[in-house]
Amino acid sequence: MATADHAAVNVLTGYRPKTTAECVAVKRVRALMEGEPGTPWHRSSPLHITASALIVHPDSGRVLLRWHQRHQAWLLVGGHADPGEHDPLAIALREGREETGLPDLAPWPDAEVRHLVIVPVPANSREPAHEHADIRFVLATSVPEAVRPENPDAPLRWLTPDEARMAITEANILDTLSRVEPLLVR
């Protein structure tokens, strides 16, 4: 296995999938990592790793969602690895900062993976249909008022979990929210 891919393997070590579909996803990701070094991160691969996070403000119990123009849906923050990146948590943190402007994002309540899901991505004019093996974390901020969208087409919304459930249309995002919500109970 490629040394650069060890960070991804390490975040999955000890992770316990919650559903049959998630067991299959974890097996697919591990098999992907056993292949050609670096391949798990290449956008040209039919299945490649992405990293995302549900951002929370623990003091208020709210979660942050980002509008995704291409999918016309409220989603998590996150995305692809940049060249040379191989640590899913670091990718989620970088993407979170870029997409929200929040300066103090940190893993919360710990750095554990909260969900791993394989998401089909439809073809568009730039790329064929493919799949994202999305490794998901929870990140927290103590300054929710500092949030700034990266562009006008990607608004951000702080919502209670109940409000988020009403806004989210993707079943896999609802699943992630259901895994995080118990952490927000005070």
C-alpha atoms as a PDB file:
ATOM      1  CA  MET A   1       0.000   0.000   0.000  1.00  0.00           C
ATOM      2  CA  ALA A   2       1.323   3.457  -0.851  1.00  0.00           C
ATOM      3  CA  THR A   3       2.818   5.340   2.097  1.00  0.00           C
ATOM      4  CA  ALA A   4       0.948   8.514   1.126  1.00  0.00           C
ATOM      5  CA  ASP A   5      -2.346   6.645   1.441  1.00  0.00           C
ATOM      6  CA  HIS A   6      -1.681   5.547   5.032  1.00  0.00           C
ATOM      7  CA  ALA A   7      -3.550   8.550   6.457  1.00  0.00           C
ATOM      8  CA  ALA A   8      -6.730   7.363   4.773  1.00  0.00           C
ATOM      9  CA  VAL A   9      -6.169   3.817   5.998  1.00  0.00           C
ATOM     10  CA  ASN A  10      -5.499   5.110   9.510  1.00  0.00           C
ATOM     11  CA  VAL A  11      -8.746   7.082   9.708  1.00  0.00           C
ATOM     12  CA  LEU A  12     -10.650   3.924   8.788  1.00  0.00           C
ATOM     13  CA  THR A  13      -8.800   1.744  11.299  1.00  0.00           C
ATOM     14  CA  GLY A  14     -11.231   0.920  14.030  1.00  0.00           C
ATOM     15  CA  TYR A  15     -14.149   2.513  12.201  1.00  0.00           C
ATOM     16  CA  ARG A  16     -17.322   0.475  12.636  1.00  0.00           C
ATOM     17  CA  PRO A  17     -19.773   0.772   9.737  1.00  0.00           C
ATOM     18  CA  LYS A  18     -23.391   1.179  10.857  1.00  0.00           C
ATOM     19  CA  THR A  19     -25.182  -0.356   7.843  1.00  0.00           C
ATOM     20  CA  THR A  20     -24.674  -3.090   5.280  1.00  0.00           C
ATOM     21  CA  ALA A  21     -24.207  -0.463   2.550  1.00  0.00           C
ATOM     22  CA  GLU A  22     -21.541   1.225   4.633  1.00  0.00           C
ATOM     23  CA  CYS A  23     -19.734  -2.137   5.169  1.00  0.00           C
ATOM     24  CA  VAL A  24     -19.617  -2.520   1.388  1.00  0.00           C
ATOM     25  CA  ALA A  25     -18.357   1.070   1.010  1.00  0.00           C
ATOM     26  CA  VAL A  26     -15.546   0.527   3.518  1.00  0.00           C
ATOM     27  CA  LYS A  27     -14.487  -2.679   1.721  1.00  0.00           C
ATOM     28  CA  ARG A  28     -14.479  -0.842  -1.629  1.00  0.00           C
ATOM     29  CA  VAL A  29     -12.356   1.990  -0.215  1.00  0.00           C
ATOM     30  CA  ARG A  30      -9.876  -0.418   1.345  1.00  0.00           C
ATOM     31  CA  ALA A  31      -9.610  -2.302  -1.976  1.00  0.00           C
ATOM     32  CA  LEU A  32      -9.098   1.019  -3.764  1.00  0.00           C
ATOM     33  CA  MET A  33      -6.218   1.832  -1.411  1.00  0.00           C
ATOM     34  CA  GLU A  34      -4.573  -1.506  -2.130  1.00  0.00           C
ATOM     35  CA  GLY A  35      -4.360  -0.628  -5.822  1.00  0.00           C
ATOM     36  CA  GLU A  36      -2.058   1.740  -7.660  1.00  0.00           C
ATOM     37  CA  PRO A  37      -0.444   4.303  -5.279  1.00  0.00           C
ATOM     38  CA  GLY A  38      -2.225   7.662  -5.346  1.00  0.00           C
ATOM     39  CA  THR A  39      -5.149   6.311  -7.363  1.00  0.00           C
ATOM     40  CA  PRO A  40      -7.665   6.682  -4.532  1.00  0.00           C
ATOM     41  CA  TRP A  41      -7.333  10.462  -4.886  1.00  0.00           C
ATOM     42  CA  HIS A  42      -7.323  10.877  -8.689  1.00  0.00           C
ATOM     43  CA  ARG A  43     -10.399  12.603 -10.015  1.00  0.00           C
ATOM     44  CA  SER A  44     -10.025  10.581 -13.200  1.00  0.00           C
ATOM     45  CA  SER A  45     -10.644   7.308 -11.330  1.00  0.00           C
ATOM     46  CA  PRO A  46     -14.217   6.009 -11.588  1.00  0.00           C
ATOM     47  CA  LEU A  47     -14.215   5.749  -7.771  1.00  0.00           C
ATOM     48  CA  HIS A  48     -12.092   8.191  -5.776  1.00  0.00           C
ATOM     49  CA  ILE A  49     -11.935   9.460  -2.213  1.00  0.00           C
ATOM     50  CA  THR A  50     -13.370  12.798  -1.163  1.00  0.00           C
ATOM     51  CA  ALA A  51     -13.681  14.223   2.336  1.00  0.00           C
ATOM     52  CA  SER A  52     -16.406  16.335   3.841  1.00  0.00           C
ATOM     53  CA  ALA A  53     -17.762  17.506   7.160  1.00  0.00           C
ATOM     54  CA  LEU A  54     -20.857  18.610   8.910  1.00  0.00           C
ATOM     55  CA  ILE A  55     -19.880  21.860  10.606  1.00  0.00           C
ATOM     56  CA  VAL A  56     -21.515  22.487  13.958  1.00  0.00           C
ATOM     57  CA  HIS A  57     -21.719  25.249  16.531  1.00  0.00           C
ATOM     58  CA  PRO A  58     -21.898  23.195  19.742  1.00  0.00           C
ATOM     59  CA  ASP A  59     -23.052  26.094  21.956  1.00  0.00           C
ATOM     60  CA  SER A  60     -26.219  26.657  19.910  1.00  0.00           C
ATOM     61  CA  GLY A  61     -26.656  23.095  18.615  1.00  0.00           C
ATOM     62  CA  ARG A  62     -26.863  24.376  15.029  1.00  0.00           C
ATOM     63  CA  VAL A  63     -25.369  22.868  11.879  1.00  0.00           C
ATOM     64  CA  LEU A  64     -24.081  24.593   8.756  1.00  0.00           C
ATOM     65  CA  LEU A  65     -25.199  23.617   5.258  1.00  0.00           C
ATOM     66  CA  ARG A  66     -23.867  24.848   1.912  1.00  0.00           C
ATOM     67  CA  TRP A  67     -25.931  25.265  -1.246  1.00  0.00           C
ATOM     68  CA  HIS A  68     -24.442  23.273  -4.103  1.00  0.00           C
ATOM     69  CA  GLN A  69     -25.462  24.846  -7.399  1.00  0.00           C
ATOM     70  CA  ARG A  70     -24.716  21.812  -9.595  1.00  0.00           C
ATOM     71  CA  HIS A  71     -26.840  19.476  -7.457  1.00  0.00           C
ATOM     72  CA  GLN A  72     -29.427  22.102  -6.530  1.00  0.00           C
ATOM     73  CA  ALA A  73     -29.269  20.879  -2.945  1.00  0.00           C
ATOM     74  CA  TRP A  74     -28.104  21.780   0.565  1.00  0.00           C
ATOM     75  CA  LEU A  75     -25.007  19.676   1.234  1.00  0.00           C
ATOM     76  CA  LEU A  76     -22.016  19.375   3.535  1.00  0.00           C
ATOM     77  CA  VAL A  77     -18.776  21.241   2.951  1.00  0.00           C
ATOM     78  CA  GLY A  78     -15.967  19.233   1.443  1.00  0.00           C
ATOM     79  CA  GLY A  79     -14.469  17.966  -1.752  1.00  0.00           C
ATOM     80  CA  HIS A  80     -11.476  16.550  -3.535  1.00  0.00           C
ATOM     81  CA  ALA A  81      -7.870  16.293  -2.455  1.00  0.00           C
ATOM     82  CA  ASP A  82      -5.470  18.847  -3.857  1.00  0.00           C
ATOM     83  CA  PRO A  83      -2.260  17.464  -5.411  1.00  0.00           C
ATOM     84  CA  GLY A  84      -0.127  15.914  -2.684  1.00  0.00           C
ATOM     85  CA  GLU A  85      -2.957  15.675  -0.136  1.00  0.00           C
ATOM     86  CA  HIS A  86      -3.730  12.234   1.273  1.00  0.00           C
ATOM     87  CA  ASP A  87      -5.246  12.881   4.715  1.00  0.00           C
ATOM     88  CA  PRO A  88      -9.061  12.933   4.639  1.00  0.00           C
ATOM     89  CA  LEU A  89      -9.370  14.993   7.844  1.00  0.00           C
ATOM     90  CA  ALA A  90      -6.900  17.604   6.556  1.00  0.00           C
ATOM     91  CA  ILE A  91      -8.846  17.749   3.282  1.00  0.00           C
ATOM     92  CA  ALA A  92     -12.154  18.250   5.122  1.00  0.00           C
ATOM     93  CA  LEU A  93     -10.584  21.004   7.252  1.00  0.00           C
ATOM     94  CA  ARG A  94      -9.102  22.808   4.222  1.00  0.00           C
ATOM     95  CA  GLU A  95     -12.326  22.557   2.242  1.00  0.00           C
ATOM     96  CA  GLY A  96     -14.318  23.706   5.275  1.00  0.00           C
ATOM     97  CA  ARG A  97     -12.154  26.811   5.698  1.00  0.00           C
ATOM     98  CA  GLU A  98     -12.235  27.603   1.970  1.00  0.00           C
ATOM     99  CA  GLU A  99     -15.995  27.181   1.638  1.00  0.00           C
ATOM    100  CA  THR A 100     -17.034  28.937   4.867  1.00  0.00           C
ATOM    101  CA  GLY A 101     -14.295  31.376   5.808  1.00  0.00           C
ATOM    102  CA  LEU A 102     -14.457  30.037   9.373  1.00  0.00           C
ATOM    103  CA  PRO A 103     -10.958  30.489  10.856  1.00  0.00           C
ATOM    104  CA  ASP A 104     -11.189  28.153  13.847  1.00  0.00           C
ATOM    105  CA  LEU A 105     -12.564  24.877  12.486  1.00  0.00           C
ATOM    106  CA  ALA A 106     -11.463  21.859  14.490  1.00  0.00           C
ATOM    107  CA  PRO A 107     -12.542  18.215  14.702  1.00  0.00           C
ATOM    108  CA  TRP A 108     -15.377  17.789  17.217  1.00  0.00           C
ATOM    109  CA  PRO A 109     -15.880  16.147  19.627  1.00  0.00           C
ATOM    110  CA  ASP A 110     -12.945  14.140  18.269  1.00  0.00           C
ATOM    111  CA  ALA A 111     -11.287  13.372  14.936  1.00  0.00           C
ATOM    112  CA  GLU A 112     -13.208  10.148  14.304  1.00  0.00           C
ATOM    113  CA  VAL A 113     -14.878   9.331  10.984  1.00  0.00           C
ATOM    114  CA  ARG A 114     -18.652   9.695  11.412  1.00  0.00           C
ATOM    115  CA  HIS A 115     -19.819   8.278   8.090  1.00  0.00           C
ATOM    116  CA  LEU A 116     -18.437   6.781   4.905  1.00  0.00           C
ATOM    117  CA  VAL A 117     -20.725   6.769   1.908  1.00  0.00           C
ATOM    118  CA  ILE A 118     -20.259   6.120  -1.798  1.00  0.00           C
ATOM    119  CA  VAL A 119     -22.104   8.825  -3.690  1.00  0.00           C
ATOM    120  CA  PRO A 120     -22.877   8.518  -7.414  1.00  0.00           C
ATOM    121  CA  VAL A 121     -21.989  11.643  -9.379  1.00  0.00           C
ATOM    122  CA  PRO A 122     -23.778  12.123 -12.708  1.00  0.00           C
ATOM    123  CA  ALA A 123     -21.874  12.972 -15.864  1.00  0.00           C
ATOM    124  CA  ASN A 124     -21.609  16.569 -16.992  1.00  0.00           C
ATOM    125  CA  SER A 125     -19.880  18.395 -19.830  1.00  0.00           C
ATOM    126  CA  ARG A 126     -16.475  18.120 -18.108  1.00  0.00           C
ATOM    127  CA  GLU A 127     -16.455  14.568 -16.725  1.00  0.00           C
ATOM    128  CA  PRO A 128     -18.144  11.185 -17.051  1.00  0.00           C
ATOM    129  CA  ALA A 129     -20.336   9.678 -14.350  1.00  0.00           C
ATOM    130  CA  HIS A 130     -18.265   8.476 -11.417  1.00  0.00           C
ATOM    131  CA  GLU A 131     -18.437   7.830  -7.678  1.00  0.00           C
ATOM    132  CA  HIS A 132     -17.112   9.629  -4.615  1.00  0.00           C
ATOM    133  CA  ALA A 133     -16.084   7.569  -1.603  1.00  0.00           C
ATOM    134  CA  ASP A 134     -16.859  10.367   0.832  1.00  0.00           C
ATOM    135  CA  ILE A 135     -15.242  10.145   4.267  1.00  0.00           C
ATOM    136  CA  ARG A 136     -17.184  12.395   6.651  1.00  0.00           C
ATOM    137  CA  PHE A 137     -16.206  14.144   9.863  1.00  0.00           C
ATOM    138  CA  VAL A 138     -17.679  16.686  12.268  1.00  0.00           C
ATOM    139  CA  LEU A 139     -15.970  20.065  12.547  1.00  0.00           C
ATOM    140  CA  ALA A 140     -16.865  22.777  15.051  1.00  0.00           C
ATOM    141  CA  THR A 141     -16.533  26.528  15.261  1.00  0.00           C
ATOM    142  CA  SER A 142     -16.933  28.898  18.179  1.00  0.00           C
ATOM    143  CA  VAL A 143     -17.469  31.903  15.890  1.00  0.00           C
ATOM    144  CA  PRO A 144     -20.494  31.097  13.704  1.00  0.00           C
ATOM    145  CA  GLU A 145     -20.956  34.771  12.884  1.00  0.00           C
ATOM    146  CA  ALA A 146     -17.610  34.713  11.008  1.00  0.00           C
ATOM    147  CA  VAL A 147     -19.088  32.514   8.269  1.00  0.00           C
ATOM    148  CA  ARG A 148     -18.553  33.852   4.729  1.00  0.00           C
ATOM    149  CA  PRO A 149     -19.529  31.950   1.562  1.00  0.00           C
ATOM    150  CA  GLU A 150     -16.739  31.410  -0.917  1.00  0.00           C
ATOM    151  CA  ASN A 151     -18.923  32.862  -3.690  1.00  0.00           C
ATOM    152  CA  PRO A 152     -22.459  34.208  -4.165  1.00  0.00           C
ATOM    153  CA  ASP A 153     -23.641  30.936  -5.759  1.00  0.00           C
ATOM    154  CA  ALA A 154     -22.749  28.948  -2.623  1.00  0.00           C
ATOM    155  CA  PRO A 155     -24.772  30.459   0.234  1.00  0.00           C
ATOM    156  CA  LEU A 156     -24.428  29.034   3.726  1.00  0.00           C
ATOM    157  CA  ARG A 157     -27.161  28.513   6.328  1.00  0.00           C
ATOM    158  CA  TRP A 158     -26.987  27.853  10.061  1.00  0.00           C
ATOM    159  CA  LEU A 159     -29.906  25.609  10.961  1.00  0.00           C
ATOM    160  CA  THR A 160     -31.213  23.612  13.873  1.00  0.00           C
ATOM    161  CA  PRO A 161     -31.169  19.873  13.186  1.00  0.00           C
ATOM    162  CA  ASP A 162     -34.957  19.977  12.640  1.00  0.00           C
ATOM    163  CA  GLU A 163     -34.603  22.831  10.128  1.00  0.00           C
ATOM    164  CA  ALA A 164     -31.723  20.994   8.425  1.00  0.00           C
ATOM    165  CA  ARG A 165     -33.854  17.865   8.020  1.00  0.00           C
ATOM    166  CA  MET A 166     -36.457  19.976   6.226  1.00  0.00           C
ATOM    167  CA  ALA A 167     -33.845  21.528   3.895  1.00  0.00           C
ATOM    168  CA  ILE A 168     -31.857  18.383   3.049  1.00  0.00           C
ATOM    169  CA  THR A 169     -33.071  16.347   0.074  1.00  0.00           C
ATOM    170  CA  GLU A 170     -30.232  13.805  -0.130  1.00  0.00           C
ATOM    171  CA  ALA A 171     -30.774  10.625   1.942  1.00  0.00           C
ATOM    172  CA  ASN A 172     -27.046  10.192   2.581  1.00  0.00           C
ATOM    173  CA  ILE A 173     -26.803  13.708   4.058  1.00  0.00           C
ATOM    174  CA  LEU A 174     -29.810  12.995   6.274  1.00  0.00           C
ATOM    175  CA  ASP A 175     -28.010   9.853   7.449  1.00  0.00           C
ATOM    176  CA  THR A 176     -24.926  11.901   8.355  1.00  0.00           C
ATOM    177  CA  LEU A 177     -27.091  14.417  10.226  1.00  0.00           C
ATOM    178  CA  SER A 178     -28.779  11.602  12.162  1.00  0.00           C
ATOM    179  CA  ARG A 179     -25.349  10.356  13.284  1.00  0.00           C
ATOM    180  CA  VAL A 180     -24.218  13.803  14.411  1.00  0.00           C
ATOM    181  CA  GLU A 181     -27.394  15.064  16.074  1.00  0.00           C
ATOM    182  CA  PRO A 182     -26.976  12.979  19.256  1.00  0.00           C
ATOM    183  CA  LEU A 183     -23.587  14.660  19.790  1.00  0.00           C
ATOM    184  CA  LEU A 184     -25.309  18.061  19.909  1.00  0.00           C
ATOM    185  CA  VAL A 185     -27.671  17.149  22.734  1.00  0.00           C
ATOM    186  CA  ARG A 186     -26.677  19.045  25.835  1.00  0.00           C
END
